[in-house]
């Protein structure tokens, strides 16, 4: 009875490891497809927002416009080179449309109640960047807890600063009292206004997923070999 139970347990563990290995292979294939799509789309530049396709992710956008200096958004808990900071996003008006520009990363001050020095740009300017659609993380609690309203007054300009845990564009649009485009623009790292950039469209590449798949496969083989060794040992012990 013990041998049968052990055999069933072994088969279950081997099947689980193989399933996890195959899942990692599927993830690697998905990431490969995303990389191909990213490379293909990033070569195409749009100059008119109205001409963007229904799924505008990873297309280049080159537009003229002006920042809305009355608001700024700080995406909290962003780690860069081992330091805690914020992604700085500013509303940008172009072609009578409003969307967020991700300027990049700024280090957080020592104390929580302090804010980083948020840059201000007053003149019309041409921006180029890659379109991205942010995905909100799963949060516990009420949605309002994800957004903290702060005020800073640089150069006598009263600016509303929203410190958020997620880029929930619908919630931000309600707070700004203006409709927002359902995407953000990741500013070109070579642009003169760009802060430190560490955004990646594909965070974990397909190679790492293939490595994980190999690990799970090797674990399945190891479990199977250990099971065979144990059964042979038990069998020889009974024979002796």
Protein backbone atom coordinates (compact mmCIF):
# COMPACT_ATOMS: atom_id res chain seq x y z
CA UNK A 1 0.00 0.00 0.00
CA UNK A 2 2.85 2.36 0.87
CA UNK A 3 4.53 1.67 -2.46
CA UNK A 4 1.33 2.46 -4.36
CA UNK A 5 0.84 5.69 -2.41
CA UNK A 6 4.44 6.68 -3.01
CA UNK A 7 4.11 5.89 -6.72
CA UNK A 8 0.97 8.01 -7.02
CA UNK A 9 2.64 10.86 -5.15
CA UNK A 10 5.67 10.63 -7.44
CA UNK A 11 3.54 10.68 -10.58
CA UNK A 12 1.61 13.67 -9.25
CA UNK A 13 4.79 15.63 -8.51
CA UNK A 14 6.33 14.75 -11.89
CA UNK A 15 3.13 15.80 -13.68
CA UNK A 16 3.06 19.07 -11.73
CA UNK A 17 6.69 19.87 -12.58
CA UNK A 18 6.14 19.07 -16.25
CA UNK A 19 3.04 21.28 -16.29
CA UNK A 20 5.01 24.14 -14.77
CA UNK A 21 7.78 23.56 -17.30
CA UNK A 22 5.33 23.72 -20.19
CA UNK A 23 3.74 26.85 -18.73
CA UNK A 24 7.14 28.54 -18.74
CA UNK A 25 7.62 27.50 -22.38
CA UNK A 26 4.27 29.09 -23.24
CA UNK A 27 5.30 32.26 -21.40
CA UNK A 28 8.58 32.33 -23.33
CA UNK A 29 6.69 32.04 -26.62
CA UNK A 30 4.39 34.89 -25.57
CA UNK A 31 7.38 37.07 -24.68
CA UNK A 32 9.03 36.28 -28.02
CA UNK A 33 5.87 37.35 -29.85
CA UNK A 34 5.74 40.55 -27.79
CA UNK A 35 9.34 41.36 -28.65
CA UNK A 36 8.68 40.85 -32.35
CA UNK A 37 5.58 43.06 -32.14
CA UNK A 38 7.50 45.70 -30.18
CA UNK A 39 10.31 45.81 -32.73
CA UNK A 40 7.88 46.01 -35.64
CA UNK A 41 5.60 48.65 -34.14
CA UNK A 42 8.35 50.85 -32.72
CA UNK A 43 9.60 51.43 -36.27
CA UNK A 44 6.33 53.17 -37.20
CA UNK A 45 5.75 56.77 -36.09
CA UNK A 46 2.38 58.54 -35.88
CA UNK A 47 2.00 62.32 -35.90
CA UNK A 48 -1.78 62.53 -35.41
CA UNK A 49 -3.52 61.04 -32.38
CA UNK A 50 -6.74 60.50 -34.33
CA UNK A 51 -4.90 58.21 -36.74
CA UNK A 52 -3.71 55.81 -34.03
CA UNK A 53 -5.02 52.22 -34.31
CA UNK A 54 -7.37 50.76 -31.71
CA UNK A 55 -4.41 49.07 -30.03
CA UNK A 56 -1.70 51.76 -30.05
CA UNK A 57 0.79 49.96 -27.80
CA UNK A 58 4.46 50.39 -28.71
CA UNK A 59 3.92 52.66 -31.69
CA UNK A 60 6.01 55.82 -31.80
CA UNK A 61 4.16 59.11 -31.38
CA UNK A 62 5.64 62.48 -32.36
CA UNK A 63 3.45 65.46 -31.46
CA UNK A 64 3.58 69.15 -30.59
CA UNK A 65 1.87 70.34 -27.44
CA UNK A 66 2.15 71.85 -23.99
CA UNK A 67 2.29 70.51 -20.44
CA UNK A 68 -0.51 71.15 -17.97
CA UNK A 69 1.57 72.60 -15.14
CA UNK A 70 -1.28 72.54 -12.63
CA UNK A 71 -0.94 68.81 -12.05
CA UNK A 72 1.78 66.21 -11.60
CA UNK A 73 1.59 62.48 -10.89
CA UNK A 74 4.17 60.51 -8.92
CA UNK A 75 4.06 56.73 -9.34
CA UNK A 76 5.25 55.48 -5.97
CA UNK A 77 7.67 52.70 -4.94
CA UNK A 78 9.77 52.62 -8.10
CA UNK A 79 13.19 50.99 -7.61
CA UNK A 80 16.10 52.06 -9.80
CA UNK A 81 19.68 50.89 -9.17
CA UNK A 82 18.76 49.93 -5.63
CA UNK A 83 17.19 53.29 -4.76
CA UNK A 84 13.55 54.08 -4.06
CA UNK A 85 11.93 56.79 -6.12
CA UNK A 86 9.06 57.85 -8.34
CA UNK A 87 8.11 57.73 -11.98
CA UNK A 88 7.17 61.32 -12.85
CA UNK A 89 4.18 61.79 -15.15
CA UNK A 90 2.82 65.11 -16.36
CA UNK A 91 -0.42 65.79 -18.27
CA UNK A 92 0.25 66.93 -21.83
CA UNK A 93 -2.18 68.67 -24.18
CA UNK A 94 -1.78 68.05 -27.90
CA UNK A 95 -4.30 68.23 -30.74
CA UNK A 96 -6.99 69.03 -28.15
CA UNK A 97 -6.34 65.71 -26.41
CA UNK A 98 -4.96 65.12 -22.93
CA UNK A 99 -2.63 62.27 -22.03
CA UNK A 100 0.18 61.52 -19.58
CA UNK A 101 3.88 61.74 -20.39
CA UNK A 102 6.23 59.56 -18.37
CA UNK A 103 9.35 61.69 -18.05
CA UNK A 104 11.27 59.03 -16.16
CA UNK A 105 12.55 58.33 -12.66
CA UNK A 106 13.43 60.66 -9.79
CA UNK A 107 14.90 59.60 -6.45
CA UNK A 108 12.62 59.97 -3.44
CA UNK A 109 13.69 62.39 -0.69
CA UNK A 110 14.72 61.03 2.68
CA UNK A 111 11.41 61.79 4.35
CA UNK A 112 8.03 60.66 3.12
CA UNK A 113 6.40 64.07 3.54
CA UNK A 114 8.98 65.62 1.22
CA UNK A 115 8.54 65.63 -2.54
CA UNK A 116 11.19 65.45 -5.25
CA UNK A 117 11.86 68.54 -7.30
CA UNK A 118 9.39 68.13 -10.15
CA UNK A 119 10.51 69.84 -13.38
CA UNK A 120 8.31 72.50 -14.99
CA UNK A 121 8.05 73.20 -18.68
CA UNK A 122 5.97 76.17 -19.77
CA UNK A 123 6.54 76.55 -23.51
CA UNK A 124 5.06 74.47 -26.34
CA UNK A 125 7.38 71.61 -27.21
CA UNK A 126 7.58 68.63 -29.54
CA UNK A 127 7.75 65.24 -27.84
CA UNK A 128 8.56 61.79 -29.15
CA UNK A 129 8.00 58.56 -27.32
CA UNK A 130 6.60 55.07 -27.24
CA UNK A 131 2.94 54.50 -26.42
CA UNK A 132 2.24 52.16 -23.54
CA UNK A 133 -0.94 50.96 -21.84
CA UNK A 134 -0.36 50.71 -18.07
CA UNK A 135 -1.76 47.78 -16.16
CA UNK A 136 -2.98 48.40 -12.64
CA UNK A 137 -1.69 46.07 -9.97
CA UNK A 138 -4.12 44.14 -7.80
CA UNK A 139 -4.71 46.18 -4.65
CA UNK A 140 -6.53 45.40 -1.43
CA UNK A 141 -8.83 48.01 0.05
CA UNK A 142 -10.69 50.87 -1.50
CA UNK A 143 -9.46 52.40 -4.72
CA UNK A 144 -9.22 55.83 -3.14
CA UNK A 145 -6.41 54.57 -0.89
CA UNK A 146 -4.20 54.23 -3.96
CA UNK A 147 -4.17 58.00 -4.52
CA UNK A 148 -2.72 60.63 -2.22
CA UNK A 149 -3.22 64.30 -2.98
CA UNK A 150 -0.38 66.64 -2.10
CA UNK A 151 0.31 70.29 -2.75
CA UNK A 152 3.58 71.99 -3.49
CA UNK A 153 4.11 75.61 -4.44
CA UNK A 154 7.17 76.12 -6.63
CA UNK A 155 7.69 79.68 -7.90
CA UNK A 156 4.25 80.77 -6.63
CA UNK A 157 2.58 78.20 -8.95
CA UNK A 158 0.26 76.05 -6.88
CA UNK A 159 0.59 72.55 -8.28
CA UNK A 160 -1.55 69.57 -7.39
CA UNK A 161 0.66 66.52 -6.93
CA UNK A 162 -0.97 63.09 -6.91
CA UNK A 163 1.10 60.29 -5.39
CA UNK A 164 -0.32 56.99 -6.62
CA UNK A 165 0.41 53.29 -6.24
CA UNK A 166 -1.12 52.43 -9.62
CA UNK A 167 -1.66 54.20 -12.91
CA UNK A 168 -5.42 53.92 -12.89
CA UNK A 169 -6.20 56.29 -15.75
CA UNK A 170 -9.95 56.35 -15.13
CA UNK A 171 -9.43 57.38 -11.52
CA UNK A 172 -6.84 59.97 -12.51
CA UNK A 173 -9.17 61.43 -15.13
CA UNK A 174 -11.83 61.89 -12.46
CA UNK A 175 -9.32 63.61 -10.21
CA UNK A 176 -8.11 65.87 -13.01
CA UNK A 177 -11.73 66.47 -14.06
CA UNK A 178 -10.73 65.96 -17.67
CA UNK A 179 -10.88 62.95 -20.00
CA UNK A 180 -7.55 61.16 -20.41
CA UNK A 181 -6.42 59.02 -23.31
CA UNK A 182 -6.32 55.32 -22.28
CA UNK A 183 -2.54 55.18 -22.72
CA UNK A 184 0.59 57.01 -21.67
CA UNK A 185 3.63 58.12 -23.65
CA UNK A 186 7.02 56.84 -22.51
CA UNK A 187 9.30 59.73 -23.38
CA UNK A 188 12.20 58.99 -25.70
CA UNK A 189 15.30 58.54 -23.48
CA UNK A 190 17.27 60.78 -25.85
CA UNK A 191 14.84 63.68 -25.49
CA UNK A 192 16.25 66.70 -23.65
CA UNK A 193 13.44 66.59 -21.07
CA UNK A 194 13.89 62.90 -20.25
CA UNK A 195 14.79 61.96 -16.70
CA UNK A 196 16.48 58.67 -15.81
CA UNK A 197 14.83 55.92 -17.83
CA UNK A 198 14.43 52.28 -16.84
CA UNK A 199 11.06 51.40 -18.39
CA UNK A 200 10.96 48.10 -20.29
CA UNK A 201 8.13 46.82 -22.46
CA UNK A 202 9.23 43.22 -21.78
CA UNK A 203 10.54 42.94 -18.24
CA UNK A 204 11.48 39.25 -18.29
CA UNK A 205 12.84 38.03 -21.61
CA UNK A 206 11.98 34.67 -23.20
CA UNK A 207 15.44 33.26 -22.39
CA UNK A 208 14.75 33.41 -18.66
CA UNK A 209 11.43 31.62 -19.10
CA UNK A 210 13.16 28.89 -21.09
CA UNK A 211 15.69 28.58 -18.26
CA UNK A 212 12.84 28.21 -15.76
CA UNK A 213 11.25 25.58 -18.00
CA UNK A 214 14.51 23.63 -18.05
CA UNK A 215 14.76 23.81 -14.27
CA UNK A 216 11.27 22.40 -13.79
CA UNK A 217 12.02 19.66 -16.32
CA UNK A 218 15.20 18.70 -14.48
CA UNK A 219 13.32 18.64 -11.17
CA UNK A 220 10.79 16.25 -12.72
CA UNK A 221 13.62 13.98 -13.92
CA UNK A 222 15.28 14.12 -10.50
CA UNK A 223 12.05 13.17 -8.73
CA UNK A 224 11.54 10.27 -11.12
CA UNK A 225 15.11 8.99 -10.67
CA UNK A 226 14.91 9.27 -6.88
CA UNK A 227 11.62 7.39 -6.94
CA UNK A 228 13.12 4.57 -9.01
CA UNK A 229 16.16 4.43 -6.72
CA UNK A 230 13.96 4.26 -3.62
CA UNK A 231 11.76 1.51 -5.07
CA UNK A 232 14.79 -0.56 -6.06
CA UNK A 233 16.22 -0.15 -2.57
CA UNK A 234 12.94 -1.21 -0.95
CA UNK A 235 12.67 -4.18 -3.32
CA UNK A 236 16.22 -5.36 -2.58
CA UNK A 237 15.58 -4.96 1.15
CA UNK A 238 12.49 -7.14 0.96
CA UNK A 239 14.37 -9.75 -1.08
CA UNK A 240 17.19 -9.86 1.44
